[in-house]
N, C-alpha and C. Protein backbone atom coordinates (compact mmCIF):
# COMPACT_ATOMS: atom_id res chain seq x y z
N MET A 1 0.86 -1.20 0.02
CA MET A 1 0.00 0.00 -0.01
C MET A 1 0.85 1.23 0.02
N GLU A 2 0.57 2.20 -0.85
CA GLU A 2 1.32 3.44 -0.94
C GLU A 2 1.25 4.21 0.35
N ALA A 3 2.32 4.71 0.89
CA ALA A 3 2.37 5.51 2.11
C ALA A 3 2.14 6.92 1.68
N PHE A 4 1.24 7.62 2.41
CA PHE A 4 0.97 9.01 2.13
C PHE A 4 1.81 9.89 3.07
N SER A 5 2.18 11.02 2.53
CA SER A 5 3.03 11.95 3.32
C SER A 5 2.27 12.55 4.47
N ASN A 6 2.98 13.10 5.44
CA ASN A 6 2.38 13.81 6.52
C ASN A 6 1.65 15.07 6.01
N SER A 7 2.25 15.66 4.98
CA SER A 7 1.55 16.85 4.40
C SER A 7 0.23 16.46 3.79
N PHE A 8 0.15 15.31 3.06
CA PHE A 8 -1.09 14.89 2.44
C PHE A 8 -2.11 14.58 3.52
N ARG A 9 -1.71 13.90 4.60
CA ARG A 9 -2.66 13.55 5.71
C ARG A 9 -3.17 14.81 6.37
N SER A 10 -2.30 15.81 6.50
CA SER A 10 -2.74 17.08 7.12
C SER A 10 -3.79 17.80 6.21
N ASP A 11 -3.46 17.75 4.94
CA ASP A 11 -4.37 18.47 3.98
C ASP A 11 -5.68 17.78 3.92
N LEU A 12 -5.66 16.41 3.96
CA LEU A 12 -6.93 15.67 3.93
C LEU A 12 -7.79 15.97 5.20
N SER A 13 -7.12 16.00 6.36
CA SER A 13 -7.84 16.30 7.54
C SER A 13 -8.47 17.72 7.48
N GLN A 14 -7.70 18.70 6.92
CA GLN A 14 -8.16 20.06 6.76
C GLN A 14 -9.32 20.05 5.79
N LEU A 15 -9.26 19.30 4.70
CA LEU A 15 -10.39 19.25 3.73
C LEU A 15 -11.66 18.74 4.36
N MET A 16 -11.59 17.76 5.25
CA MET A 16 -12.77 17.22 5.83
C MET A 16 -13.39 18.29 6.84
N ARG A 17 -12.50 19.08 7.45
CA ARG A 17 -13.05 20.15 8.31
C ARG A 17 -13.80 21.23 7.50
N TRP A 18 -13.29 21.38 6.29
CA TRP A 18 -13.92 22.48 5.40
C TRP A 18 -15.16 21.92 4.66
N ARG A 19 -15.42 20.62 4.78
CA ARG A 19 -16.57 20.06 4.06
C ARG A 19 -17.83 20.38 4.88
N ARG A 20 -18.33 21.59 4.73
CA ARG A 20 -19.52 22.04 5.47
C ARG A 20 -20.67 22.13 4.48
N ASP A 21 -21.86 22.06 5.06
CA ASP A 21 -23.10 22.27 4.32
C ASP A 21 -23.29 23.70 4.02
N VAL A 22 -23.25 24.07 2.72
CA VAL A 22 -23.35 25.48 2.28
C VAL A 22 -24.79 25.86 1.89
N ARG A 23 -25.24 26.97 2.36
CA ARG A 23 -26.61 27.42 2.02
C ARG A 23 -26.61 28.85 1.45
N ARG A 24 -25.43 29.49 1.48
CA ARG A 24 -25.34 30.85 0.98
C ARG A 24 -24.34 30.84 -0.21
N PHE A 25 -24.92 31.00 -1.39
CA PHE A 25 -24.14 30.87 -2.62
C PHE A 25 -24.06 32.17 -3.38
N SER A 26 -22.94 32.38 -4.07
CA SER A 26 -22.85 33.33 -5.10
C SER A 26 -23.61 32.81 -6.36
N THR A 27 -24.12 33.72 -7.15
CA THR A 27 -24.77 33.32 -8.37
C THR A 27 -23.87 33.04 -9.53
N LYS A 28 -22.56 33.21 -9.27
CA LYS A 28 -21.56 33.02 -10.32
C LYS A 28 -21.72 31.57 -10.83
N PRO A 29 -21.78 31.36 -12.18
CA PRO A 29 -21.96 30.00 -12.69
C PRO A 29 -20.72 29.09 -12.43
N VAL A 30 -21.09 27.79 -12.39
CA VAL A 30 -20.04 26.79 -12.23
C VAL A 30 -19.62 26.29 -13.60
N ASP A 31 -18.30 26.22 -13.81
CA ASP A 31 -17.81 25.78 -15.09
C ASP A 31 -18.28 24.34 -15.37
N GLU A 32 -18.75 24.07 -16.56
CA GLU A 32 -19.32 22.77 -16.90
C GLU A 32 -18.26 21.62 -16.66
N ALA A 33 -17.04 21.92 -17.10
CA ALA A 33 -16.03 20.85 -16.95
C ALA A 33 -15.72 20.53 -15.50
N LEU A 34 -15.74 21.56 -14.65
CA LEU A 34 -15.57 21.34 -13.20
C LEU A 34 -16.68 20.56 -12.59
N LEU A 35 -17.94 20.91 -12.97
CA LEU A 35 -19.10 20.20 -12.49
C LEU A 35 -19.00 18.69 -12.87
N MET A 36 -18.65 18.40 -14.13
CA MET A 36 -18.53 17.02 -14.57
C MET A 36 -17.41 16.29 -13.86
N GLN A 37 -16.35 16.99 -13.55
CA GLN A 37 -15.28 16.35 -12.71
C GLN A 37 -15.85 15.92 -11.42
N CYS A 38 -16.70 16.78 -10.79
CA CYS A 38 -17.25 16.40 -9.48
C CYS A 38 -18.16 15.19 -9.57
N LEU A 39 -19.02 15.23 -10.64
CA LEU A 39 -19.95 14.07 -10.82
C LEU A 39 -19.18 12.81 -11.19
N ASP A 40 -18.05 12.97 -11.84
CA ASP A 40 -17.24 11.78 -12.23
C ASP A 40 -16.67 11.08 -11.09
N THR A 41 -16.61 11.65 -9.87
CA THR A 41 -16.12 10.99 -8.72
C THR A 41 -16.98 9.76 -8.35
N PHE A 42 -18.24 9.76 -8.79
CA PHE A 42 -19.11 8.59 -8.53
C PHE A 42 -18.45 7.32 -9.11
N ARG A 43 -17.67 7.46 -10.14
CA ARG A 43 -16.98 6.29 -10.73
C ARG A 43 -16.00 5.69 -9.77
N LEU A 44 -15.51 6.51 -8.87
CA LEU A 44 -14.47 6.08 -7.89
C LEU A 44 -15.09 5.41 -6.68
N ALA A 45 -16.37 5.61 -6.48
CA ALA A 45 -17.02 5.20 -5.23
C ALA A 45 -17.20 3.71 -5.14
N PRO A 46 -17.06 3.18 -3.94
CA PRO A 46 -17.40 1.74 -3.74
C PRO A 46 -18.95 1.61 -3.64
N SER A 47 -19.39 0.40 -3.95
CA SER A 47 -20.83 0.15 -3.82
C SER A 47 -21.09 -1.32 -3.50
N VAL A 48 -22.12 -1.63 -2.74
CA VAL A 48 -22.43 -3.01 -2.40
C VAL A 48 -22.58 -3.82 -3.61
N GLY A 49 -21.87 -4.97 -3.64
CA GLY A 49 -21.92 -5.87 -4.80
C GLY A 49 -21.47 -5.29 -6.09
N LEU A 50 -20.81 -4.12 -6.06
CA LEU A 50 -20.47 -3.34 -7.27
C LEU A 50 -21.71 -3.05 -8.08
N SER A 51 -22.77 -2.67 -7.35
CA SER A 51 -24.10 -2.44 -8.02
C SER A 51 -24.21 -1.08 -8.59
N GLU A 52 -23.40 -0.12 -8.13
CA GLU A 52 -23.46 1.29 -8.66
C GLU A 52 -24.91 1.75 -8.85
N PRO A 53 -25.66 1.78 -7.70
CA PRO A 53 -27.08 2.04 -7.85
C PRO A 53 -27.47 3.52 -7.96
N TRP A 54 -26.46 4.43 -7.98
CA TRP A 54 -26.74 5.83 -8.08
C TRP A 54 -27.33 6.24 -9.46
N ARG A 55 -28.31 7.13 -9.39
CA ARG A 55 -28.81 7.68 -10.64
C ARG A 55 -28.88 9.25 -10.37
N ILE A 56 -28.37 9.95 -11.34
CA ILE A 56 -28.11 11.43 -11.17
C ILE A 56 -29.00 12.17 -12.14
N VAL A 57 -29.73 13.16 -11.61
CA VAL A 57 -30.58 14.05 -12.48
C VAL A 57 -30.09 15.48 -12.28
N ARG A 58 -29.72 16.16 -13.30
CA ARG A 58 -29.46 17.56 -13.29
C ARG A 58 -30.73 18.30 -13.45
N VAL A 59 -31.06 19.12 -12.46
CA VAL A 59 -32.32 19.87 -12.51
C VAL A 59 -32.05 21.24 -13.09
N THR A 60 -32.30 21.37 -14.39
CA THR A 60 -31.88 22.57 -15.11
C THR A 60 -33.02 23.47 -15.62
N SER A 61 -34.17 22.84 -15.89
CA SER A 61 -35.24 23.63 -16.49
C SER A 61 -35.92 24.55 -15.43
N PRO A 62 -36.34 25.78 -15.82
CA PRO A 62 -36.97 26.66 -14.88
C PRO A 62 -38.18 26.06 -14.22
N ASP A 63 -38.96 25.27 -14.94
CA ASP A 63 -40.16 24.62 -14.38
C ASP A 63 -39.79 23.65 -13.31
N ALA A 64 -38.81 22.82 -13.59
CA ALA A 64 -38.40 21.75 -12.60
C ALA A 64 -37.86 22.40 -11.35
N ARG A 65 -37.06 23.46 -11.54
CA ARG A 65 -36.46 24.18 -10.38
C ARG A 65 -37.54 24.83 -9.54
N ALA A 66 -38.50 25.45 -10.23
CA ALA A 66 -39.55 26.16 -9.53
C ALA A 66 -40.38 25.16 -8.72
N LYS A 67 -40.64 24.00 -9.25
CA LYS A 67 -41.41 22.98 -8.55
C LYS A 67 -40.63 22.49 -7.29
N ALA A 68 -39.34 22.34 -7.45
CA ALA A 68 -38.45 21.87 -6.32
C ALA A 68 -38.46 22.95 -5.22
N ILE A 69 -38.30 24.23 -5.62
CA ILE A 69 -38.23 25.29 -4.64
C ILE A 69 -39.61 25.37 -3.92
N GLU A 70 -40.72 25.26 -4.69
CA GLU A 70 -42.06 25.29 -4.05
C GLU A 70 -42.25 24.09 -3.11
N ASN A 71 -41.70 22.95 -3.48
CA ASN A 71 -41.72 21.81 -2.61
C ASN A 71 -41.07 22.08 -1.31
N TYR A 72 -39.87 22.63 -1.35
CA TYR A 72 -39.12 22.97 -0.15
C TYR A 72 -39.89 23.97 0.68
N GLN A 73 -40.46 24.99 0.07
CA GLN A 73 -41.13 26.04 0.86
C GLN A 73 -42.39 25.48 1.58
N THR A 74 -43.10 24.63 0.93
CA THR A 74 -44.23 24.00 1.56
C THR A 74 -43.81 23.12 2.72
N ALA A 75 -42.75 22.28 2.43
CA ALA A 75 -42.29 21.37 3.50
C ALA A 75 -41.69 22.17 4.67
N ASN A 76 -41.03 23.28 4.37
CA ASN A 76 -40.38 24.02 5.43
C ASN A 76 -41.48 24.73 6.28
N ALA A 77 -42.55 25.20 5.69
CA ALA A 77 -43.65 25.82 6.49
C ALA A 77 -44.26 24.75 7.40
N GLU A 78 -44.43 23.50 6.88
CA GLU A 78 -45.00 22.46 7.68
C GLU A 78 -44.08 22.06 8.80
N ALA A 79 -42.77 22.12 8.54
CA ALA A 79 -41.80 21.75 9.59
C ALA A 79 -41.85 22.81 10.72
N LEU A 80 -41.96 24.07 10.31
CA LEU A 80 -42.06 25.09 11.33
C LEU A 80 -43.20 24.91 12.35
N GLU A 81 -44.29 24.36 11.83
CA GLU A 81 -45.42 24.14 12.72
C GLU A 81 -45.14 23.09 13.85
N GLY A 82 -44.04 22.40 13.66
CA GLY A 82 -43.65 21.35 14.72
C GLY A 82 -42.90 21.97 15.83
N TYR A 83 -42.61 23.26 15.76
CA TYR A 83 -41.87 23.96 16.84
C TYR A 83 -42.74 25.06 17.43
N ASP A 84 -42.41 25.49 18.66
CA ASP A 84 -43.11 26.61 19.26
C ASP A 84 -42.16 27.42 20.06
N GLY A 85 -42.62 28.61 20.44
CA GLY A 85 -41.82 29.46 21.36
C GLY A 85 -40.45 29.83 20.74
N GLU A 86 -39.49 29.80 21.57
CA GLU A 86 -38.14 30.29 21.18
C GLU A 86 -37.63 29.45 20.02
N LYS A 87 -37.85 28.12 20.03
CA LYS A 87 -37.34 27.24 19.02
C LYS A 87 -38.01 27.59 17.66
N ALA A 88 -39.23 27.92 17.65
CA ALA A 88 -39.93 28.29 16.43
C ALA A 88 -39.37 29.63 15.87
N ALA A 89 -39.08 30.55 16.74
CA ALA A 89 -38.53 31.79 16.34
C ALA A 89 -37.18 31.65 15.73
N MET A 90 -36.39 30.79 16.34
CA MET A 90 -35.04 30.48 15.86
C MET A 90 -35.14 29.79 14.49
N TYR A 91 -36.03 28.77 14.37
CA TYR A 91 -36.16 28.00 13.16
C TYR A 91 -36.56 28.95 12.01
N SER A 92 -37.48 29.84 12.24
CA SER A 92 -37.93 30.75 11.16
C SER A 92 -36.84 31.67 10.66
N GLY A 93 -35.81 31.85 11.44
CA GLY A 93 -34.72 32.76 11.08
C GLY A 93 -33.53 32.00 10.44
N LEU A 94 -33.59 30.68 10.34
CA LEU A 94 -32.53 29.85 9.78
C LEU A 94 -32.68 29.89 8.22
N LYS A 95 -31.50 29.89 7.62
CA LYS A 95 -31.50 29.74 6.11
C LYS A 95 -31.14 28.26 5.85
N LEU A 96 -32.08 27.50 5.48
CA LEU A 96 -32.02 26.04 5.42
C LEU A 96 -31.89 25.58 3.93
N SER A 97 -31.87 26.48 2.99
CA SER A 97 -31.73 26.07 1.57
C SER A 97 -31.09 27.22 0.81
N GLY A 98 -30.21 26.78 -0.11
CA GLY A 98 -29.60 27.78 -1.03
C GLY A 98 -30.20 27.58 -2.45
N MET A 99 -31.43 27.04 -2.53
CA MET A 99 -31.97 26.67 -3.80
C MET A 99 -32.21 27.90 -4.75
N GLN A 100 -32.52 29.03 -4.14
CA GLN A 100 -32.77 30.20 -4.93
C GLN A 100 -31.55 30.68 -5.65
N GLU A 101 -30.41 30.64 -4.98
CA GLU A 101 -29.23 31.24 -5.51
C GLU A 101 -28.25 30.28 -6.21
N ALA A 102 -28.25 29.04 -5.76
CA ALA A 102 -27.23 28.02 -6.30
C ALA A 102 -27.37 27.88 -7.81
N PRO A 103 -26.32 27.97 -8.52
CA PRO A 103 -26.41 27.80 -9.99
C PRO A 103 -26.68 26.38 -10.46
N GLU A 104 -26.36 25.42 -9.64
CA GLU A 104 -26.55 23.98 -10.01
C GLU A 104 -27.38 23.27 -8.96
N HIS A 105 -28.40 22.50 -9.49
CA HIS A 105 -29.22 21.64 -8.68
C HIS A 105 -29.02 20.21 -9.18
N ILE A 106 -28.75 19.30 -8.27
CA ILE A 106 -28.54 17.91 -8.59
C ILE A 106 -29.40 17.02 -7.72
N ALA A 107 -30.23 16.20 -8.26
CA ALA A 107 -30.99 15.22 -7.52
C ALA A 107 -30.37 13.82 -7.67
N VAL A 108 -30.06 13.19 -6.56
CA VAL A 108 -29.35 11.91 -6.64
C VAL A 108 -30.32 10.81 -6.08
N PHE A 109 -30.51 9.80 -6.85
CA PHE A 109 -31.45 8.73 -6.51
C PHE A 109 -30.71 7.40 -6.34
N CYS A 110 -31.35 6.43 -5.67
CA CYS A 110 -30.93 5.09 -5.67
C CYS A 110 -31.90 4.22 -6.40
N ASP A 111 -31.38 3.43 -7.36
CA ASP A 111 -32.28 2.47 -8.04
C ASP A 111 -32.36 1.19 -7.18
N ASP A 112 -33.47 1.10 -6.43
CA ASP A 112 -33.59 0.01 -5.49
C ASP A 112 -33.79 -1.37 -6.21
N GLU A 113 -34.08 -1.32 -7.43
CA GLU A 113 -34.36 -2.62 -8.20
C GLU A 113 -33.22 -2.91 -9.25
N THR A 114 -32.10 -2.25 -9.09
CA THR A 114 -31.06 -2.54 -10.08
C THR A 114 -30.64 -4.00 -10.03
N THR A 115 -30.38 -4.54 -11.23
CA THR A 115 -29.94 -5.94 -11.29
C THR A 115 -28.40 -6.07 -11.29
N GLN A 116 -27.71 -4.86 -11.43
CA GLN A 116 -26.26 -4.91 -11.39
C GLN A 116 -25.82 -5.31 -10.01
N GLY A 117 -24.86 -6.19 -9.97
CA GLY A 117 -24.34 -6.72 -8.69
C GLY A 117 -25.07 -8.00 -8.27
N SER A 118 -26.14 -8.33 -8.96
CA SER A 118 -26.87 -9.61 -8.73
C SER A 118 -27.28 -9.78 -7.24
N GLY A 119 -27.50 -8.65 -6.59
CA GLY A 119 -28.03 -8.67 -5.23
C GLY A 119 -27.01 -8.99 -4.16
N LEU A 120 -25.72 -9.10 -4.52
CA LEU A 120 -24.70 -9.44 -3.55
C LEU A 120 -24.63 -8.36 -2.48
N GLY A 121 -24.75 -8.79 -1.21
CA GLY A 121 -24.67 -7.88 -0.09
C GLY A 121 -25.92 -7.12 0.15
N ALA A 122 -26.88 -7.17 -0.75
CA ALA A 122 -28.10 -6.36 -0.63
C ALA A 122 -29.34 -7.26 -0.39
N THR A 123 -29.16 -8.55 -0.48
CA THR A 123 -30.30 -9.45 -0.32
C THR A 123 -30.77 -9.38 1.21
N THR A 124 -29.78 -9.39 2.09
CA THR A 124 -30.12 -9.37 3.54
C THR A 124 -30.28 -7.91 4.04
N MET A 125 -29.57 -7.04 3.39
CA MET A 125 -29.58 -5.62 3.80
C MET A 125 -29.74 -4.72 2.56
N PRO A 126 -30.95 -4.67 1.99
CA PRO A 126 -31.18 -3.88 0.79
C PRO A 126 -30.84 -2.40 0.94
N GLU A 127 -30.87 -1.92 2.16
CA GLU A 127 -30.57 -0.51 2.43
C GLU A 127 -29.09 -0.19 2.12
N MET A 128 -28.23 -1.23 1.97
CA MET A 128 -26.89 -1.05 1.58
C MET A 128 -26.76 -0.30 0.23
N ARG A 129 -27.66 -0.47 -0.62
CA ARG A 129 -27.56 0.26 -1.89
C ARG A 129 -27.69 1.77 -1.63
N ARG A 130 -28.56 2.16 -0.74
CA ARG A 130 -28.73 3.52 -0.44
C ARG A 130 -27.53 4.08 0.30
N TYR A 131 -26.94 3.30 1.22
CA TYR A 131 -25.78 3.69 1.89
C TYR A 131 -24.65 3.96 0.85
N SER A 132 -24.59 3.09 -0.13
CA SER A 132 -23.53 3.25 -1.15
C SER A 132 -23.65 4.56 -1.91
N VAL A 133 -24.89 4.97 -2.16
CA VAL A 133 -25.16 6.26 -2.78
C VAL A 133 -24.68 7.38 -1.91
N VAL A 134 -24.95 7.31 -0.61
CA VAL A 134 -24.49 8.33 0.36
C VAL A 134 -23.02 8.44 0.34
N GLY A 135 -22.31 7.29 0.33
CA GLY A 135 -20.87 7.29 0.31
C GLY A 135 -20.31 7.97 -0.96
N ALA A 136 -20.94 7.70 -2.07
CA ALA A 136 -20.51 8.36 -3.32
C ALA A 136 -20.72 9.86 -3.25
N ILE A 137 -21.80 10.28 -2.66
CA ILE A 137 -22.10 11.70 -2.56
C ILE A 137 -20.95 12.39 -1.75
N ASN A 138 -20.56 11.76 -0.72
CA ASN A 138 -19.53 12.28 0.18
C ASN A 138 -18.16 12.47 -0.57
N LEU A 139 -17.86 11.51 -1.43
CA LEU A 139 -16.67 11.64 -2.26
C LEU A 139 -16.76 12.85 -3.16
N MET A 140 -17.93 13.03 -3.79
CA MET A 140 -18.19 14.19 -4.66
C MET A 140 -18.00 15.47 -3.87
N TRP A 141 -18.55 15.47 -2.67
CA TRP A 141 -18.49 16.68 -1.81
C TRP A 141 -17.11 17.12 -1.51
N LEU A 142 -16.25 16.10 -1.15
CA LEU A 142 -14.85 16.43 -0.90
C LEU A 142 -14.16 16.92 -2.11
N HIS A 143 -14.41 16.36 -3.28
CA HIS A 143 -13.82 16.87 -4.52
C HIS A 143 -14.23 18.29 -4.82
N ALA A 144 -15.54 18.56 -4.66
CA ALA A 144 -16.07 19.87 -4.87
C ALA A 144 -15.36 20.90 -3.96
N ARG A 145 -15.26 20.53 -2.68
CA ARG A 145 -14.67 21.46 -1.71
C ARG A 145 -13.21 21.69 -2.04
N ALA A 146 -12.51 20.68 -2.48
CA ALA A 146 -11.11 20.82 -2.82
C ALA A 146 -10.88 21.79 -3.97
N ASN A 147 -11.94 21.95 -4.78
CA ASN A 147 -11.91 22.87 -5.91
C ASN A 147 -12.55 24.18 -5.62
N GLY A 148 -12.89 24.43 -4.33
CA GLY A 148 -13.48 25.71 -3.92
C GLY A 148 -14.98 25.74 -4.05
N LEU A 149 -15.63 24.77 -4.50
CA LEU A 149 -17.09 24.72 -4.59
C LEU A 149 -17.70 24.38 -3.25
N GLY A 150 -18.94 24.85 -3.06
CA GLY A 150 -19.74 24.50 -1.91
C GLY A 150 -20.92 23.65 -2.27
N MET A 151 -21.39 22.81 -1.39
CA MET A 151 -22.56 22.00 -1.61
C MET A 151 -23.51 22.09 -0.41
N GLY A 152 -24.74 22.01 -0.66
CA GLY A 152 -25.78 21.97 0.32
C GLY A 152 -26.77 20.90 0.12
N TRP A 153 -27.09 20.15 1.10
CA TRP A 153 -27.99 18.98 1.01
C TRP A 153 -29.36 19.42 1.56
N VAL A 154 -30.33 19.50 0.70
CA VAL A 154 -31.70 19.95 1.08
C VAL A 154 -32.49 18.72 1.50
N SER A 155 -32.79 18.61 2.79
CA SER A 155 -33.57 17.45 3.29
C SER A 155 -35.02 17.79 3.66
N ILE A 156 -35.37 19.07 3.59
CA ILE A 156 -36.77 19.47 3.97
C ILE A 156 -37.51 19.47 2.67
N LEU A 157 -37.99 18.29 2.25
CA LEU A 157 -38.68 18.10 0.96
C LEU A 157 -39.66 16.99 1.12
N ASP A 158 -40.66 17.04 0.28
CA ASP A 158 -41.62 15.90 0.13
C ASP A 158 -41.01 15.06 -1.03
N ALA A 159 -40.35 13.96 -0.65
CA ALA A 159 -39.58 13.17 -1.57
C ALA A 159 -40.54 12.51 -2.71
N PRO A 160 -41.65 11.92 -2.32
CA PRO A 160 -42.50 11.39 -3.40
C PRO A 160 -42.99 12.43 -4.40
N ARG A 161 -43.30 13.59 -3.86
CA ARG A 161 -43.76 14.69 -4.75
C ARG A 161 -42.64 15.10 -5.70
N LEU A 162 -41.41 15.17 -5.20
CA LEU A 162 -40.28 15.54 -6.03
C LEU A 162 -40.04 14.50 -7.10
N CYS A 163 -40.10 13.25 -6.66
CA CYS A 163 -39.91 12.13 -7.67
C CYS A 163 -40.94 12.23 -8.80
N GLY A 164 -42.18 12.58 -8.41
CA GLY A 164 -43.26 12.71 -9.46
C GLY A 164 -42.98 13.91 -10.32
N ASP A 165 -42.56 15.02 -9.73
CA ASP A 165 -42.29 16.24 -10.53
C ASP A 165 -41.17 15.99 -11.50
N LEU A 166 -40.19 15.19 -11.09
CA LEU A 166 -39.00 14.95 -11.97
C LEU A 166 -39.19 13.75 -12.88
N ASP A 167 -40.37 13.05 -12.69
CA ASP A 167 -40.79 11.97 -13.50
C ASP A 167 -39.71 10.88 -13.63
N VAL A 168 -39.25 10.40 -12.44
CA VAL A 168 -38.26 9.36 -12.41
C VAL A 168 -38.95 8.00 -12.28
N PRO A 169 -38.28 6.94 -12.62
CA PRO A 169 -38.93 5.59 -12.51
C PRO A 169 -39.32 5.31 -11.03
N PRO A 170 -40.39 4.45 -10.87
CA PRO A 170 -40.87 4.11 -9.50
C PRO A 170 -39.83 3.48 -8.65
N SER A 171 -38.86 2.77 -9.23
CA SER A 171 -37.85 2.09 -8.47
C SER A 171 -36.73 2.98 -7.91
N TRP A 172 -36.79 4.28 -8.34
CA TRP A 172 -35.78 5.26 -7.88
C TRP A 172 -36.21 5.89 -6.57
N SER A 173 -35.42 5.89 -5.55
CA SER A 173 -35.67 6.56 -4.24
C SER A 173 -34.77 7.77 -4.14
N LEU A 174 -35.37 8.92 -3.78
CA LEU A 174 -34.55 10.12 -3.58
C LEU A 174 -33.62 9.92 -2.39
N ILE A 175 -32.36 10.19 -2.62
CA ILE A 175 -31.37 10.12 -1.56
C ILE A 175 -30.95 11.55 -1.22
N ALA A 176 -30.73 12.42 -2.21
CA ALA A 176 -30.24 13.76 -1.86
C ALA A 176 -30.67 14.77 -2.98
N TYR A 177 -31.09 15.95 -2.52
CA TYR A 177 -31.23 17.10 -3.45
C TYR A 177 -30.12 18.06 -3.12
N LEU A 178 -29.17 18.26 -4.07
CA LEU A 178 -27.96 19.01 -3.70
C LEU A 178 -27.93 20.32 -4.49
N CYS A 179 -27.56 21.41 -3.76
CA CYS A 179 -27.29 22.64 -4.38
C CYS A 179 -25.75 22.81 -4.47
N ILE A 180 -25.26 23.25 -5.62
CA ILE A 180 -23.81 23.39 -5.82
C ILE A 180 -23.47 24.73 -6.44
N GLY A 181 -22.44 25.36 -5.84
CA GLY A 181 -22.03 26.65 -6.39
C GLY A 181 -20.89 27.17 -5.57
N TRP A 182 -20.55 28.43 -5.84
CA TRP A 182 -19.45 29.11 -5.09
C TRP A 182 -19.99 29.72 -3.80
N PRO A 183 -19.47 29.30 -2.65
CA PRO A 183 -19.97 29.88 -1.40
C PRO A 183 -19.64 31.30 -1.20
N GLU A 184 -20.60 32.04 -0.59
CA GLU A 184 -20.33 33.45 -0.29
C GLU A 184 -19.20 33.61 0.66
N THR A 185 -19.18 32.75 1.73
CA THR A 185 -18.17 32.72 2.76
C THR A 185 -17.76 31.35 3.01
N ASN A 186 -16.63 31.17 3.64
CA ASN A 186 -16.15 29.83 4.01
C ASN A 186 -15.93 29.74 5.52
N SER A 187 -16.29 28.61 6.07
CA SER A 187 -16.16 28.45 7.56
C SER A 187 -16.07 26.98 7.88
N THR A 188 -15.24 26.64 8.86
CA THR A 188 -15.15 25.22 9.28
C THR A 188 -16.19 24.95 10.35
N THR A 189 -17.00 25.93 10.77
CA THR A 189 -18.02 25.75 11.76
C THR A 189 -19.40 25.54 11.10
N PRO A 190 -20.12 24.50 11.39
CA PRO A 190 -21.44 24.36 10.85
C PRO A 190 -22.37 25.59 11.11
N GLU A 191 -23.08 26.02 10.09
CA GLU A 191 -23.91 27.18 10.29
C GLU A 191 -24.92 27.04 11.39
N LEU A 192 -25.48 25.83 11.57
CA LEU A 192 -26.45 25.64 12.60
C LEU A 192 -25.82 25.82 14.02
N GLU A 193 -24.49 25.48 14.09
CA GLU A 193 -23.82 25.76 15.37
C GLU A 193 -23.58 27.24 15.57
N THR A 194 -23.28 27.91 14.51
CA THR A 194 -23.05 29.40 14.59
C THR A 194 -24.36 30.05 14.99
N ALA A 195 -25.45 29.61 14.48
CA ALA A 195 -26.77 30.17 14.77
C ALA A 195 -27.30 29.81 16.18
N GLY A 196 -26.64 28.82 16.79
CA GLY A 196 -27.03 28.47 18.16
C GLY A 196 -28.17 27.40 18.18
N TRP A 197 -28.43 26.71 17.07
CA TRP A 197 -29.47 25.74 16.95
C TRP A 197 -29.06 24.50 17.72
N GLU A 198 -27.77 24.11 17.53
CA GLU A 198 -27.27 22.88 18.21
C GLU A 198 -25.75 22.96 18.24
N HIS A 199 -25.16 22.17 19.10
CA HIS A 199 -23.68 22.17 19.25
C HIS A 199 -23.21 20.66 19.13
N ARG A 200 -22.06 20.54 18.62
CA ARG A 200 -21.50 19.18 18.52
C ARG A 200 -21.24 18.65 19.94
N HIS A 201 -21.49 17.31 20.10
CA HIS A 201 -21.17 16.69 21.34
C HIS A 201 -19.67 16.54 21.47
N PRO A 202 -19.10 16.85 22.62
CA PRO A 202 -17.65 16.76 22.79
C PRO A 202 -17.02 15.40 22.69
N ASP A 203 -17.83 14.34 22.90
CA ASP A 203 -17.31 12.99 22.94
C ASP A 203 -18.04 12.11 21.89
N LEU A 204 -17.35 11.16 21.33
CA LEU A 204 -18.00 10.17 20.48
C LEU A 204 -18.80 9.18 21.39
N HIS A 205 -19.82 8.64 20.82
CA HIS A 205 -20.61 7.63 21.54
C HIS A 205 -19.99 6.28 21.13
N ILE A 206 -19.12 5.81 21.90
CA ILE A 206 -18.50 4.50 21.61
C ILE A 206 -18.69 3.56 22.83
N GLU A 207 -19.14 2.35 22.49
CA GLU A 207 -19.40 1.34 23.52
C GLU A 207 -18.63 0.05 23.18
N SER A 208 -18.43 -0.68 24.19
CA SER A 208 -17.85 -2.06 23.96
C SER A 208 -18.84 -3.07 24.43
N ARG A 209 -19.07 -4.09 23.65
CA ARG A 209 -20.00 -5.12 24.00
C ARG A 209 -19.36 -6.48 24.07
């Protein structure tokens, strides 16, 4: 196995610290070649049974984007109703999506019925296909960050409605709706921590059994 230098290990650790969820984007367009480089990292990702279950949709049309943004706005209003008092006031002030500004929208799905891989590793744990997609997304995220791009994962969505609006096959499950672009600012601190919504736990939860 190739030994990596101390400098490389330090840079990798720093890159992981800078891999933050970005919600404040510049409207500056992303170069097409750079975007495709980011998406091409999916080819490097491991997957259960070598099934490569990820399916990628670039959301480019004004109509599709408008429907996705409306989906988020509706889901966000419903989520706000689940809080009250100080927490509701704080929630309403959070910026939880960069969909309006981000130049690139990417929807990533898992094909739950793919025949590639012949079910190896997924017969007993079919969710492993979805975990594989998440792992691939993280590789893309690191590559994007290394090139100065920011990404934001929008989870406040009605997934079935979005699947219908994008007219994807029934076997595709939404894993991530991603906003990609140039961040307005850079920080190693999660925005939710800065806003006081939550703080990282100082210790890992590790048990021995």
